[in-house]
Amino acid sequence: MRLLRDNVVIHEGTLKTLKRFKDEVKEVQSGQECGMAFENYDDIRKGDIIEIFEREEVQRQL
């Protein structure tokens, strides 16, 4: 995950938990509310933008 504040990346790390109501879930549909906790970071403020992505390493072929 990446956290942006005023279009500047202020933290990049991993998502620790994602919850929908009180249940821990693997995904949440767009437009629904959820709770998130991040590894080694807890200073999220109103207006911050959270980007969640998955990295995939692909072996180069010649």
PDB file of N, CA and C in Angstrom:
ATOM      1  N   MET A   1       0.837  -1.165   0.000  1.00  0.00           N
ATOM      2  CA  MET A   1       0.000   0.000   0.000  1.00  0.00           C
ATOM      3  C   MET A   1       0.878   1.222   0.000  1.00  0.00           C
ATOM      4  N   ARG A   2       0.310   2.316  -0.483  1.00  0.00           N
ATOM      5  CA  ARG A   2       1.021   3.590  -0.531  1.00  0.00           C
ATOM      6  C   ARG A   2       0.064   4.658  -0.019  1.00  0.00           C
ATOM      7  N   LEU A   3       0.555   5.551   0.840  1.00  0.00           N
ATOM      8  CA  LEU A   3      -0.252   6.620   1.411  1.00  0.00           C
ATOM      9  C   LEU A   3       0.247   7.960   0.880  1.00  0.00           C
ATOM     10  N   LEU A   4      -0.666   8.705   0.255  1.00  0.00           N
ATOM     11  CA  LEU A   4      -0.313  10.010  -0.311  1.00  0.00           C
ATOM     12  C   LEU A   4      -1.003  11.117   0.475  1.00  0.00           C
ATOM     13  N   ARG A   5      -0.257  12.166   0.753  1.00  0.00           N
ATOM     14  CA  ARG A   5      -0.797  13.356   1.400  1.00  0.00           C
ATOM     15  C   ARG A   5      -0.339  14.552   0.574  1.00  0.00           C
ATOM     16  N   ASP A   6      -1.272  15.331   0.082  1.00  0.00           N
ATOM     17  CA  ASP A   6      -0.972  16.474  -0.789  1.00  0.00           C
ATOM     18  C   ASP A   6      -0.140  16.036  -1.996  1.00  0.00           C
ATOM     19  N   ASN A   7      -0.521  14.898  -2.587  1.00  0.00           N
ATOM     20  CA  ASN A   7       0.134  14.325  -3.777  1.00  0.00           C
ATOM     21  C   ASN A   7       1.593  13.950  -3.558  1.00  0.00           C
ATOM     22  N   VAL A   8       1.982  13.719  -2.308  1.00  0.00           N
ATOM     23  CA  VAL A   8       3.337  13.289  -1.973  1.00  0.00           C
ATOM     24  C   VAL A   8       3.229  11.953  -1.237  1.00  0.00           C
ATOM     25  N   VAL A   9       4.016  10.959  -1.667  1.00  0.00           N
ATOM     26  CA  VAL A   9       4.013   9.657  -0.993  1.00  0.00           C
ATOM     27  C   VAL A   9       4.700   9.835   0.359  1.00  0.00           C
ATOM     28  N   ILE A  10       3.941   9.601   1.447  1.00  0.00           N
ATOM     29  CA  ILE A  10       4.531   9.753   2.774  1.00  0.00           C
ATOM     30  C   ILE A  10       4.799   8.412   3.444  1.00  0.00           C
ATOM     31  N   HIS A  11       4.217   7.342   2.909  1.00  0.00           N
ATOM     32  CA  HIS A  11       4.488   6.013   3.457  1.00  0.00           C
ATOM     33  C   HIS A  11       4.201   4.964   2.405  1.00  0.00           C
ATOM     34  N   GLU A  12       5.040   3.947   2.366  1.00  0.00           N
ATOM     35  CA  GLU A  12       4.803   2.790   1.512  1.00  0.00           C
ATOM     36  C   GLU A  12       5.085   1.562   2.349  1.00  0.00           C
ATOM     37  N   GLY A  13       4.135   0.656   2.418  1.00  0.00           N
ATOM     38  CA  GLY A  13       4.289  -0.533   3.247  1.00  0.00           C
ATOM     39  C   GLY A  13       3.251  -1.580   2.908  1.00  0.00           C
ATOM     40  N   THR A  14       2.911  -2.383   3.907  1.00  0.00           N
ATOM     41  CA  THR A  14       1.948  -3.466   3.674  1.00  0.00           C
ATOM     42  C   THR A  14       0.699  -3.269   4.516  1.00  0.00           C
ATOM     43  N   LEU A  15      -0.384  -3.805   4.017  1.00  0.00           N
ATOM     44  CA  LEU A  15      -1.666  -3.774   4.710  1.00  0.00           C
ATOM     45  C   LEU A  15      -1.668  -4.897   5.745  1.00  0.00           C
ATOM     46  N   LYS A  16      -1.919  -4.543   7.000  1.00  0.00           N
ATOM     47  CA  LYS A  16      -1.927  -5.550   8.068  1.00  0.00           C
ATOM     48  C   LYS A  16      -3.293  -6.213   8.180  1.00  0.00           C
ATOM     49  N   THR A  17      -4.369  -5.415   8.221  1.00  0.00           N
ATOM     50  CA  THR A  17      -5.723  -5.976   8.301  1.00  0.00           C
ATOM     51  C   THR A  17      -6.692  -5.146   7.474  1.00  0.00           C
ATOM     52  N   LEU A  18      -7.734  -5.818   7.012  1.00  0.00           N
ATOM     53  CA  LEU A  18      -8.834  -5.190   6.295  1.00  0.00           C
ATOM     54  C   LEU A  18     -10.109  -5.752   6.890  1.00  0.00           C
ATOM     55  N   LYS A  19     -10.981  -4.866   7.385  1.00  0.00           N
ATOM     56  CA  LYS A  19     -12.198  -5.329   8.041  1.00  0.00           C
ATOM     57  C   LYS A  19     -13.431  -4.685   7.435  1.00  0.00           C
ATOM     58  N   ARG A  20     -14.474  -5.458   7.353  1.00  0.00           N
ATOM     59  CA  ARG A  20     -15.806  -5.005   6.954  1.00  0.00           C
ATOM     60  C   ARG A  20     -16.687  -5.312   8.138  1.00  0.00           C
ATOM     61  N   PHE A  21     -17.226  -4.271   8.776  1.00  0.00           N
ATOM     62  CA  PHE A  21     -17.880  -4.378  10.077  1.00  0.00           C
ATOM     63  C   PHE A  21     -16.853  -4.957  11.038  1.00  0.00           C
ATOM     64  N   LYS A  22     -17.106  -6.062  11.702  1.00  0.00           N
ATOM     65  CA  LYS A  22     -16.121  -6.623  12.635  1.00  0.00           C
ATOM     66  C   LYS A  22     -15.408  -7.842  12.077  1.00  0.00           C
ATOM     67  N   ASP A  23     -15.710  -8.186  10.834  1.00  0.00           N
ATOM     68  CA  ASP A  23     -15.117  -9.371  10.219  1.00  0.00           C
ATOM     69  C   ASP A  23     -13.890  -9.001   9.403  1.00  0.00           C
ATOM     70  N   GLU A  24     -12.832  -9.782   9.553  1.00  0.00           N
ATOM     71  CA  GLU A  24     -11.651  -9.592   8.717  1.00  0.00           C
ATOM     72  C   GLU A  24     -11.941 -10.208   7.352  1.00  0.00           C
ATOM     73  N   VAL A  25     -11.693  -9.431   6.290  1.00  0.00           N
ATOM     74  CA  VAL A  25     -12.011  -9.866   4.935  1.00  0.00           C
ATOM     75  C   VAL A  25     -10.788  -9.723   4.034  1.00  0.00           C
ATOM     76  N   LYS A  26     -10.856 -10.350   2.850  1.00  0.00           N
ATOM     77  CA  LYS A  26      -9.765 -10.265   1.888  1.00  0.00           C
ATOM     78  C   LYS A  26      -9.975  -9.132   0.897  1.00  0.00           C
ATOM     79  N   GLU A  27     -11.241  -8.729   0.691  1.00  0.00           N
ATOM     80  CA  GLU A  27     -11.532  -7.635  -0.238  1.00  0.00           C
ATOM     81  C   GLU A  27     -12.838  -6.964   0.148  1.00  0.00           C
ATOM     82  N   VAL A  28     -12.986  -5.710  -0.301  1.00  0.00           N
ATOM     83  CA  VAL A  28     -14.194  -4.923  -0.063  1.00  0.00           C
ATOM     84  C   VAL A  28     -14.578  -4.289  -1.392  1.00  0.00           C
ATOM     85  N   GLN A  29     -15.846  -4.336  -1.728  1.00  0.00           N
ATOM     86  CA  GLN A  29     -16.302  -3.773  -2.992  1.00  0.00           C
ATOM     87  C   GLN A  29     -16.168  -2.257  -2.983  1.00  0.00           C
ATOM     88  N   SER A  30     -15.948  -1.692  -4.140  1.00  0.00           N
ATOM     89  CA  SER A  30     -15.824  -0.247  -4.297  1.00  0.00           C
ATOM     90  C   SER A  30     -17.075   0.450  -3.778  1.00  0.00           C
ATOM     91  N   GLY A  31     -16.883   1.533  -3.029  1.00  0.00           N
ATOM     92  CA  GLY A  31     -18.000   2.304  -2.502  1.00  0.00           C
ATOM     93  C   GLY A  31     -18.455   1.879  -1.122  1.00  0.00           C
ATOM     94  N   GLN A  32     -17.940   0.777  -0.599  1.00  0.00           N
ATOM     95  CA  GLN A  32     -18.319   0.320   0.733  1.00  0.00           C
ATOM     96  C   GLN A  32     -17.287   0.764   1.755  1.00  0.00           C
ATOM     97  N   GLU A  33     -17.753   0.987   2.985  1.00  0.00           N
ATOM     98  CA  GLU A  33     -16.852   1.390   4.061  1.00  0.00           C
ATOM     99  C   GLU A  33     -16.101   0.180   4.592  1.00  0.00           C
ATOM    100  N   CYS A  34     -14.886   0.439   5.074  1.00  0.00           N
ATOM    101  CA  CYS A  34     -14.082  -0.628   5.650  1.00  0.00           C
ATOM    102  C   CYS A  34     -13.083  -0.021   6.635  1.00  0.00           C
ATOM    103  N   GLY A  35     -12.458  -0.880   7.406  1.00  0.00           N
ATOM    104  CA  GLY A  35     -11.399  -0.466   8.316  1.00  0.00           C
ATOM    105  C   GLY A  35     -10.095  -1.088   7.864  1.00  0.00           C
ATOM    106  N   MET A  36      -9.003  -0.322   7.984  1.00  0.00           N
ATOM    107  CA  MET A  36      -7.694  -0.811   7.556  1.00  0.00           C
ATOM    108  C   MET A  36      -6.666  -0.506   8.627  1.00  0.00           C
ATOM    109  N   ALA A  37      -5.697  -1.398   8.745  1.00  0.00           N
ATOM    110  CA  ALA A  37      -4.534  -1.155   9.604  1.00  0.00           C
ATOM    111  C   ALA A  37      -3.302  -1.479   8.776  1.00  0.00           C
ATOM    112  N   PHE A  38      -2.280  -0.651   8.932  1.00  0.00           N
ATOM    113  CA  PHE A  38      -1.061  -0.798   8.147  1.00  0.00           C
ATOM    114  C   PHE A  38       0.102  -1.201   9.041  1.00  0.00           C
ATOM    115  N   GLU A  39       1.037  -1.945   8.492  1.00  0.00           N
ATOM    116  CA  GLU A  39       2.245  -2.334   9.222  1.00  0.00           C
ATOM    117  C   GLU A  39       3.081  -1.089   9.501  1.00  0.00           C
ATOM    118  N   ASN A  40       3.437  -0.869  10.756  1.00  0.00           N
ATOM    119  CA  ASN A  40       4.373   0.183  11.174  1.00  0.00           C
ATOM    120  C   ASN A  40       3.953   1.598  10.796  1.00  0.00           C
ATOM    121  N   TYR A  41       2.649   1.881  10.716  1.00  0.00           N
ATOM    122  CA  TYR A  41       2.203   3.246  10.413  1.00  0.00           C
ATOM    123  C   TYR A  41       0.786   3.434  10.927  1.00  0.00           C
ATOM    124  N   ASP A  42       0.527   4.569  11.593  1.00  0.00           N
ATOM    125  CA  ASP A  42      -0.831   4.816  12.094  1.00  0.00           C
ATOM    126  C   ASP A  42      -1.241   6.287  12.043  1.00  0.00           C
ATOM    127  N   ASP A  43      -0.576   7.118  11.252  1.00  0.00           N
ATOM    128  CA  ASP A  43      -0.899   8.545  11.171  1.00  0.00           C
ATOM    129  C   ASP A  43      -1.690   8.847   9.904  1.00  0.00           C
ATOM    130  N   ILE A  44      -2.896   8.304   9.802  1.00  0.00           N
ATOM    131  CA  ILE A  44      -3.748   8.555   8.647  1.00  0.00           C
ATOM    132  C   ILE A  44      -4.642   9.745   8.980  1.00  0.00           C
ATOM    133  N   ARG A  45      -4.747  10.677   8.047  1.00  0.00           N
ATOM    134  CA  ARG A  45      -5.524  11.898   8.266  1.00  0.00           C
ATOM    135  C   ARG A  45      -6.595  12.062   7.201  1.00  0.00           C
ATOM    136  N   LYS A  46      -7.587  12.874   7.523  1.00  0.00           N
ATOM    137  CA  LYS A  46      -8.651  13.175   6.568  1.00  0.00           C
ATOM    138  C   LYS A  46      -8.019  13.787   5.319  1.00  0.00           C
ATOM    139  N   GLY A  47      -8.432  13.297   4.148  1.00  0.00           N
ATOM    140  CA  GLY A  47      -7.915  13.807   2.890  1.00  0.00           C
ATOM    141  C   GLY A  47      -6.763  12.989   2.321  1.00  0.00           C
ATOM    142  N   ASP A  48      -6.201  12.068   3.126  1.00  0.00           N
ATOM    143  CA  ASP A  48      -5.137  11.205   2.619  1.00  0.00           C
ATOM    144  C   ASP A  48      -5.698  10.274   1.554  1.00  0.00           C
ATOM    145  N   ILE A  49      -4.863   9.906   0.620  1.00  0.00           N
ATOM    146  CA  ILE A  49      -5.241   8.966  -0.436  1.00  0.00           C
ATOM    147  C   ILE A  49      -4.480   7.673  -0.202  1.00  0.00           C
ATOM    148  N   ILE A  50      -5.200   6.561  -0.199  1.00  0.00           N
ATOM    149  CA  ILE A  50      -4.596   5.245   0.022  1.00  0.00           C
ATOM    150  C   ILE A  50      -4.651   4.471  -1.288  1.00  0.00           C
ATOM    151  N   GLU A  51      -3.510   4.025  -1.743  1.00  0.00           N
ATOM    152  CA  GLU A  51      -3.432   3.190  -2.936  1.00  0.00           C
ATOM    153  C   GLU A  51      -3.018   1.790  -2.511  1.00  0.00           C
ATOM    154  N   ILE A  52      -3.798   0.814  -2.895  1.00  0.00           N
ATOM    155  CA  ILE A  52      -3.481  -0.577  -2.595  1.00  0.00           C
ATOM    156  C   ILE A  52      -3.175  -1.264  -3.918  1.00  0.00           C
ATOM    157  N   PHE A  53      -2.070  -1.979  -3.954  1.00  0.00           N
ATOM    158  CA  PHE A  53      -1.674  -2.647  -5.188  1.00  0.00           C
ATOM    159  C   PHE A  53      -0.969  -3.948  -4.846  1.00  0.00           C
ATOM    160  N   GLU A  54      -0.833  -4.788  -5.828  1.00  0.00           N
ATOM    161  CA  GLU A  54      -0.154  -6.071  -5.669  1.00  0.00           C
ATOM    162  C   GLU A  54       1.025  -6.096  -6.620  1.00  0.00           C
ATOM    163  N   ARG A  55       2.192  -6.421  -6.086  1.00  0.00           N
ATOM    164  CA  ARG A  55       3.386  -6.531  -6.930  1.00  0.00           C
ATOM    165  C   ARG A  55       3.545  -7.964  -7.384  1.00  0.00           C
ATOM    166  N   GLU A  56       3.891  -8.088  -8.635  1.00  0.00           N
ATOM    167  CA  GLU A  56       4.111  -9.410  -9.202  1.00  0.00           C
ATOM    168  C   GLU A  56       5.441  -9.375  -9.956  1.00  0.00           C
ATOM    169  N   GLU A  57       6.361 -10.222  -9.544  1.00  0.00           N
ATOM    170  CA  GLU A  57       7.643 -10.299 -10.230  1.00  0.00           C
ATOM    171  C   GLU A  57       7.538 -11.320 -11.351  1.00  0.00           C
ATOM    172  N   VAL A  58       7.966 -10.892 -12.524  1.00  0.00           N
ATOM    173  CA  VAL A  58       7.920 -11.755 -13.695  1.00  0.00           C
ATOM    174  C   VAL A  58       9.345 -11.933 -14.199  1.00  0.00           C
ATOM    175  N   GLN A  59       9.749 -13.176 -14.381  1.00  0.00           N
ATOM    176  CA  GLN A  59      11.076 -13.446 -14.853  1.00  0.00           C
ATOM    177  C   GLN A  59      11.205 -13.009 -16.310  1.00  0.00           C
ATOM    178  N   ARG A  60      12.270 -12.293 -16.591  1.00  0.00           N
ATOM    179  CA  ARG A  60      12.480 -11.788 -17.937  1.00  0.00           C
ATOM    180  C   ARG A  60      12.868 -12.932 -18.870  1.00  0.00           C
ATOM    181  N   GLN A  61      12.312 -12.880 -20.074  1.00  0.00           N
ATOM    182  CA  GLN A  61      12.613 -13.893 -21.082  1.00  0.00           C
ATOM    183  C   GLN A  61      13.272 -13.240 -22.281  1.00  0.00           C
ATOM    184  N   LEU A  62      14.201 -13.933 -22.855  1.00  0.00           N
ATOM    185  CA  LEU A  62      14.879 -13.425 -24.057  1.00  0.00           C
ATOM    186  C   LEU A  62      14.357 -14.128 -25.285  1.00  0.00           C
TER     187      LEU A  62
END
